Amino acid sequence: MIEAVIPTRGKVEAVLAGLLQHHQTIDSVRIVTAAMPTSTEARRLIETWQHLGRDVTIEMQRRPGSGPARAQAIENSRADRLLFIDDDAVLVGASAVIYLQQELEKSPRVEWATPIIRFAQGFVDPPPGHTEIWERVSREDPRVVEALEHRGSGWIRVFDVTDAETDQLCGACFFANRAAMLPHREGLWRWPAGVPGNDAWLGYKLGEGRVARKIFCYHFGDFGREWDHARLHRDFMEEGLDPTWTP
């Protein structure tokens, strides 16, 4: 069973509409929200999912922040696999969930998979390291080499290359075995609101994940505070700092 999980502050219209193309591969939808979705569009989209025979669960977030929202979904869901997707992201291609599932089945040691994450904003003044390369490239491309040096080798998840693994989980969209995440829900639950990195921390705990080539997630909107992924990985994860760490 596959459940789509949407951590949100209440704006679910775009993500619910974008997920409709995946309704044949998603068994249920879980919205973990800081504010109840009340717009006419949200109501109609929720009803559309229900008409399609999919259970839609809406639960109020018990603690602020994306980490606690993810922990709450991991604890409450009964699905075998969870597709986490932000409310400002769109997963493209009706077969995308199938491909993500296939990546998990390639090796018993792999517990999560990610589409290629494309940051569809900021073209006038992109944030540092957000070099947008939307054609297929090689690992030796100077733009890729420069970006990986700045962001760490796991940043390969934003480039359309051939077979790849990453140690950087991006909360915009990822697909994972619920059983593998259960032991780490307490760390997510204690993660302070406004402190970045709970998604990357979860990926570090789960081990390397697979990048599903040919599958894309377009991430829109304001990504908030930026941080150096390579430094985060070194100082925050490898040295075992606690999730209560603040910058």
Protein backbone atom coordinates (compact mmCIF):
# COMPACT_ATOMS: atom_id res chain seq x y z
CA MET A 1 0.00 0.00 0.00
CA ILE A 2 1.28 3.47 -0.94
CA GLU A 3 0.19 6.64 0.82
CA ALA A 4 0.98 10.17 -0.33
CA VAL A 5 1.86 12.42 2.62
CA ILE A 6 1.58 16.21 2.37
CA PRO A 7 3.07 18.24 5.24
CA THR A 8 1.56 21.71 4.83
CA ARG A 9 0.57 24.99 6.40
CA GLY A 10 -2.81 24.62 4.71
CA LYS A 11 -2.27 25.40 1.01
CA VAL A 12 -2.86 22.04 -0.65
CA GLU A 13 -4.55 22.98 -3.91
CA ALA A 14 -1.48 22.77 -6.18
CA VAL A 15 -0.10 19.53 -4.79
CA LEU A 16 -3.47 17.74 -4.73
CA ALA A 17 -4.06 18.71 -8.36
CA GLY A 18 -0.56 17.62 -9.34
CA LEU A 19 -0.97 14.25 -7.67
CA LEU A 20 -4.13 13.40 -9.60
CA GLN A 21 -2.03 11.94 -12.44
CA HIS A 22 -0.80 9.35 -9.92
CA HIS A 23 -4.18 8.28 -8.57
CA GLN A 24 -3.85 4.77 -10.01
CA THR A 25 -0.65 4.12 -8.03
CA ILE A 26 -1.53 5.98 -4.81
CA ASP A 27 -3.87 4.17 -2.43
CA SER A 28 -4.51 7.02 0.02
CA VAL A 29 -3.62 10.61 0.84
CA ARG A 30 -2.63 11.98 4.24
CA ILE A 31 -2.53 15.74 4.84
CA VAL A 32 -0.69 16.83 8.00
CA THR A 33 -1.48 20.50 8.32
CA ALA A 34 -0.92 23.50 10.55
CA ALA A 35 -4.19 25.05 9.34
CA MET A 36 -7.27 23.31 7.98
CA PRO A 37 -7.63 23.65 4.17
CA THR A 38 -10.81 25.64 3.72
CA SER A 39 -10.79 26.98 0.17
CA THR A 40 -13.40 25.86 -2.34
CA GLU A 41 -10.65 24.52 -4.59
CA ALA A 42 -9.15 22.44 -1.78
CA ARG A 43 -12.54 21.01 -0.87
CA ARG A 44 -13.31 20.08 -4.48
CA LEU A 45 -9.92 18.41 -4.94
CA ILE A 46 -10.33 16.40 -1.72
CA GLU A 47 -13.76 15.30 -2.92
CA THR A 48 -12.27 14.35 -6.30
CA TRP A 49 -9.79 12.05 -4.57
CA GLN A 50 -12.63 10.53 -2.57
CA HIS A 51 -14.71 10.01 -5.73
CA LEU A 52 -11.69 8.15 -7.14
CA GLY A 53 -12.00 5.74 -4.22
CA ARG A 54 -9.00 7.01 -2.27
CA ASP A 55 -9.11 7.66 1.46
CA VAL A 56 -8.11 11.20 2.37
CA THR A 57 -7.01 11.77 5.97
CA ILE A 58 -6.63 15.32 7.26
CA GLU A 59 -4.95 15.67 10.63
CA MET A 60 -3.87 18.77 12.50
CA GLN A 61 -0.18 18.99 13.16
CA ARG A 62 0.57 18.49 16.86
CA ARG A 63 3.91 20.32 16.78
CA PRO A 64 5.13 23.04 14.40
CA GLY A 65 7.76 22.33 11.77
CA SER A 66 8.20 19.92 8.89
CA GLY A 67 10.14 17.39 10.99
CA PRO A 68 7.31 16.81 13.49
CA ALA A 69 4.79 16.70 10.62
CA ARG A 70 6.77 13.92 8.94
CA ALA A 71 7.13 12.07 12.25
CA GLN A 72 3.39 12.30 12.83
CA ALA A 73 2.63 10.82 9.41
CA ILE A 74 5.15 8.02 9.84
CA GLU A 75 3.59 7.11 13.18
CA ASN A 76 -0.06 7.31 12.12
CA SER A 77 0.06 5.85 8.62
CA ARG A 78 -0.57 2.17 8.06
CA ALA A 79 0.83 2.11 4.52
CA ASP A 80 3.92 0.07 3.65
CA ARG A 81 5.48 2.88 1.63
CA LEU A 82 5.11 6.63 1.89
CA LEU A 83 5.46 9.25 -0.83
CA PHE A 84 6.30 12.51 0.92
CA ILE A 85 5.71 15.61 -1.19
CA ASP A 86 5.72 19.28 -0.24
CA ASP A 87 2.72 21.46 -0.94
CA ASP A 88 4.78 23.47 -3.47
CA ALA A 89 6.04 20.51 -5.50
CA VAL A 90 4.77 18.58 -8.51
CA LEU A 91 5.85 15.02 -9.38
CA VAL A 92 5.71 14.59 -13.16
CA GLY A 93 4.75 11.49 -15.15
CA ALA A 94 1.91 9.06 -14.52
CA SER A 95 4.43 6.22 -14.02
CA ALA A 96 6.63 8.15 -11.61
CA VAL A 97 5.54 6.27 -8.48
CA ILE A 98 6.04 2.95 -10.26
CA TYR A 99 9.62 3.93 -11.15
CA LEU A 100 10.31 5.06 -7.59
CA GLN A 101 9.00 1.74 -6.32
CA GLN A 102 11.21 -0.14 -8.76
CA GLU A 103 14.25 1.70 -7.43
CA LEU A 104 13.49 0.41 -3.92
CA GLU A 105 13.24 -3.13 -5.24
CA LYS A 106 16.64 -3.11 -6.94
CA SER A 107 18.50 -3.77 -3.69
CA PRO A 108 17.38 -4.89 -0.20
CA ARG A 109 19.73 -2.32 1.35
CA VAL A 110 17.97 0.63 -0.31
CA GLU A 111 15.18 2.11 1.84
CA TRP A 112 14.34 5.29 -0.10
CA ALA A 113 14.34 6.78 -3.56
CA THR A 114 14.08 10.26 -4.98
CA PRO A 115 13.04 11.77 -8.29
CA ILE A 116 15.39 14.29 -9.87
CA ILE A 117 14.62 17.49 -7.97
CA ARG A 118 14.38 20.60 -10.14
CA PHE A 119 14.07 23.98 -8.48
CA ALA A 120 11.61 25.76 -10.74
CA GLN A 121 12.09 29.26 -9.39
CA GLY A 122 14.77 31.84 -8.79
CA PHE A 123 15.97 32.09 -12.38
CA VAL A 124 16.61 35.83 -12.10
CA ASP A 125 18.71 35.50 -8.94
CA PRO A 126 19.12 31.80 -8.11
CA PRO A 127 20.28 30.84 -4.61
CA PRO A 128 23.93 29.70 -4.29
CA GLY A 129 24.49 26.25 -5.76
CA HIS A 130 21.09 26.09 -7.47
CA THR A 131 22.57 25.82 -10.94
CA GLU A 132 19.68 24.74 -13.13
CA ILE A 133 20.71 22.27 -15.85
CA TRP A 134 17.62 20.78 -17.39
CA GLU A 135 19.24 18.71 -20.11
CA ARG A 136 20.87 15.32 -19.62
CA VAL A 137 24.47 15.79 -18.52
CA SER A 138 27.49 13.72 -17.55
CA ARG A 139 29.14 13.65 -14.13
CA GLU A 140 32.21 15.22 -15.76
CA ASP A 141 30.32 18.32 -16.89
CA PRO A 142 32.18 21.29 -15.28
CA ARG A 143 28.89 22.71 -13.99
CA VAL A 144 28.09 19.41 -12.28
CA VAL A 145 31.60 19.09 -10.83
CA GLU A 146 31.45 22.64 -9.43
CA ALA A 147 28.00 22.11 -7.91
CA LEU A 148 29.00 18.81 -6.28
CA GLU A 149 32.12 20.39 -4.82
CA HIS A 150 29.96 23.06 -3.22
CA ARG A 151 26.97 20.93 -2.18
CA GLY A 152 28.49 17.49 -1.65
CA SER A 153 28.36 14.41 -3.88
CA GLY A 154 24.72 13.74 -2.97
CA TRP A 155 23.71 16.88 -4.88
CA ILE A 156 23.79 14.61 -7.94
CA ARG A 157 20.04 14.25 -7.22
CA VAL A 158 19.32 17.51 -9.07
CA PHE A 159 20.99 16.44 -12.34
CA ASP A 160 19.71 14.19 -15.09
CA VAL A 161 22.58 11.70 -15.29
CA THR A 162 22.57 7.95 -15.70
CA ASP A 163 22.40 5.57 -12.73
CA ALA A 164 23.00 7.40 -9.42
CA GLU A 165 22.78 7.11 -5.67
CA THR A 166 22.63 9.97 -3.18
CA ASP A 167 23.16 10.51 0.53
CA GLN A 168 21.07 13.70 0.45
CA LEU A 169 17.35 13.23 0.95
CA CYS A 170 15.31 16.25 -0.14
CA GLY A 171 12.00 16.81 1.61
CA ALA A 172 10.41 18.27 -1.54
CA CYS A 173 9.68 14.70 -2.64
CA PHE A 174 10.92 11.28 -1.59
CA PHE A 175 9.61 7.72 -1.48
CA ALA A 176 10.51 5.42 1.40
CA ASN A 177 9.66 2.27 3.30
CA ARG A 178 7.67 3.25 6.38
CA ALA A 179 9.21 0.47 8.48
CA ALA A 180 12.70 1.88 7.87
CA MET A 181 11.63 5.36 9.03
CA LEU A 182 9.83 4.26 12.20
CA PRO A 183 13.01 4.03 14.36
CA HIS A 184 13.86 7.65 13.47
CA ARG A 185 10.50 9.32 14.07
CA GLU A 186 11.54 10.52 17.52
CA GLY A 187 14.42 12.50 16.05
CA LEU A 188 12.06 14.09 13.54
CA TRP A 189 9.50 14.77 16.26
CA ARG A 190 12.05 16.69 18.36
CA TRP A 191 13.30 18.75 15.42
CA PRO A 192 12.73 22.48 16.13
CA ALA A 193 10.57 24.48 13.74
CA GLY A 194 12.60 26.79 11.52
CA VAL A 195 15.79 24.76 11.79
CA PRO A 196 16.72 23.29 8.39
CA GLY A 197 17.94 19.81 7.66
CA ASN A 198 15.51 17.29 9.16
CA ASP A 199 15.06 15.76 5.70
CA ALA A 200 18.81 15.44 5.15
CA TRP A 201 19.19 13.98 8.65
CA LEU A 202 16.56 11.35 7.88
CA GLY A 203 18.37 10.44 4.67
CA TYR A 204 21.62 10.06 6.58
CA LYS A 205 19.92 7.70 9.02
CA LEU A 206 18.36 5.65 6.21
CA GLY A 207 21.58 5.35 4.21
CA GLU A 208 22.08 6.08 0.54
CA GLY A 209 19.01 6.27 -1.64
CA ARG A 210 18.43 5.76 -5.33
CA VAL A 211 17.88 8.57 -7.84
CA ALA A 212 15.13 7.55 -10.25
CA ARG A 213 16.36 8.85 -13.58
CA LYS A 214 13.73 10.07 -16.05
CA ILE A 215 11.48 10.99 -13.09
CA PHE A 216 11.28 14.66 -12.15
CA CYS A 217 9.88 16.69 -9.28
CA TYR A 218 9.52 20.41 -9.87
CA HIS A 219 9.82 22.38 -6.64
CA PHE A 220 8.22 25.83 -6.69
CA GLY A 221 8.01 28.63 -4.18
CA ASP A 222 10.22 30.07 -1.48
CA PHE A 223 12.71 27.53 -0.16
CA GLY A 224 13.55 29.67 2.86
CA ARG A 225 16.96 29.63 4.46
CA GLU A 226 19.85 28.14 2.51
CA TRP A 227 22.63 26.11 4.04
CA ASP A 228 25.79 24.40 2.86
CA HIS A 229 24.88 20.72 2.37
CA ALA A 230 28.51 19.59 2.52
CA ARG A 231 29.10 21.39 5.84
CA LEU A 232 25.79 20.15 7.22
CA HIS A 233 26.72 16.59 6.35
CA ARG A 234 30.17 16.88 7.92
CA ASP A 235 29.49 18.90 11.05
CA PHE A 236 25.89 18.02 11.79
CA MET A 237 25.57 14.37 10.79
CA GLU A 238 28.95 12.68 10.78
CA GLU A 239 29.81 14.16 14.16
CA GLY A 240 26.47 13.02 15.56
CA LEU A 241 25.03 16.32 16.67
CA ASP A 242 21.57 16.21 18.20
CA PRO A 243 18.47 17.41 16.31
CA THR A 244 18.09 20.19 18.88
CA TRP A 245 21.11 21.86 17.24
CA THR A 246 20.46 25.37 16.01
CA PRO A 247 22.63 27.49 13.67
